[in-house]
């Protein structure tokens, strides 16, 4: 399953968490199966997520494209999929 399909499935099953702050809360509670980062996610955020001991995949598109995929009218740079 590719990253887009994983995101769509998580949204459908209400298992997607959007946004950096919310994702960090779920990471702290060990309730994250996967984190997806947009290609243009700021380096500071990427580094924090990459050092959080969670599985990470990179979305092959911008945060604007990832936001559109999620049905949002705004950019989404970070998505967590709950475990």
Protein backbone atom coordinates (compact mmCIF):
# COMPACT_ATOMS: atom_id res chain seq x y z
CA UNK A 1 0.00 0.00 0.00
CA UNK A 2 1.46 3.39 -0.94
CA UNK A 3 1.47 6.49 1.26
CA UNK A 4 -1.57 8.10 -0.42
CA UNK A 5 -3.61 4.94 0.09
CA UNK A 6 -2.54 4.74 3.74
CA UNK A 7 -3.63 8.33 4.30
CA UNK A 8 -6.99 7.81 2.56
CA UNK A 9 -7.66 4.64 4.55
CA UNK A 10 -6.74 6.34 7.84
CA UNK A 11 -9.06 9.25 7.05
CA UNK A 12 -11.87 6.86 6.16
CA UNK A 13 -11.39 4.91 9.41
CA UNK A 14 -11.02 8.10 11.47
CA UNK A 15 -7.44 7.15 12.43
CA UNK A 16 -5.67 10.21 10.99
CA UNK A 17 -4.31 13.00 13.17
CA UNK A 18 -3.50 16.20 11.29
CA UNK A 19 -1.02 18.85 12.35
CA UNK A 20 2.31 18.96 14.09
CA UNK A 21 1.13 19.77 17.63
CA UNK A 22 -1.58 17.11 17.66
CA UNK A 23 0.79 14.52 16.19
CA UNK A 24 3.35 15.21 18.93
CA UNK A 25 0.69 14.66 21.61
CA UNK A 26 -0.14 11.25 20.16
CA UNK A 27 3.55 10.33 19.80
CA UNK A 28 4.10 11.11 23.49
CA UNK A 29 1.22 8.76 24.35
CA UNK A 30 2.69 5.96 22.17
CA UNK A 31 -0.47 5.83 20.11
CA UNK A 32 1.02 6.28 16.63
CA UNK A 33 1.60 3.59 14.02
CA UNK A 34 3.03 5.85 11.31
CA UNK A 35 3.85 9.51 10.70
CA UNK A 36 3.68 10.94 7.19
CA UNK A 37 5.64 14.10 6.38
CA UNK A 38 5.15 16.30 3.33
CA UNK A 39 8.27 16.89 1.23
CA UNK A 40 8.39 20.54 2.27
CA UNK A 41 7.94 20.00 6.01
CA UNK A 42 10.27 22.41 7.86
CA UNK A 43 13.57 20.81 8.89
CA UNK A 44 13.03 21.56 12.58
CA UNK A 45 9.76 19.60 12.58
CA UNK A 46 11.26 16.77 10.49
CA UNK A 47 14.14 16.40 12.95
CA UNK A 48 11.85 16.25 15.98
CA UNK A 49 9.64 13.61 14.35
CA UNK A 50 12.59 11.57 13.04
CA UNK A 51 14.07 11.39 16.55
CA UNK A 52 10.78 10.24 18.10
CA UNK A 53 11.22 6.50 17.43
CA UNK A 54 8.14 6.19 15.23
CA UNK A 55 7.83 4.88 11.68
CA UNK A 56 8.04 7.76 9.19
CA UNK A 57 7.21 7.95 5.49
CA UNK A 58 7.63 10.92 3.17
CA UNK A 59 4.65 12.03 1.08
CA UNK A 60 5.71 12.67 -2.51
CA UNK A 61 4.20 16.14 -2.62
CA UNK A 62 3.90 19.44 -0.82
CA UNK A 63 1.96 20.20 2.35
CA UNK A 64 -0.63 21.94 0.17
CA UNK A 65 -1.09 18.74 -1.87
CA UNK A 66 -1.31 16.67 1.30
CA UNK A 67 -3.93 19.07 2.68
CA UNK A 68 -5.95 18.70 -0.52
CA UNK A 69 -5.71 14.91 -0.28
CA UNK A 70 -7.14 15.19 3.24
CA UNK A 71 -9.99 17.38 2.00
CA UNK A 72 -8.68 20.45 3.81
CA UNK A 73 -8.48 23.97 2.33
CA UNK A 74 -5.12 24.52 4.05
CA UNK A 75 -1.66 22.88 3.96
CA UNK A 76 -1.03 19.81 6.12
CA UNK A 77 2.66 19.02 6.65
CA UNK A 78 2.34 16.23 9.22
CA UNK A 79 -0.14 13.37 9.57
CA UNK A 80 -0.08 10.61 12.15
CA UNK A 81 -1.93 7.35 11.71
CA UNK A 82 -3.15 5.97 15.01
CA UNK A 83 -2.21 2.42 15.90
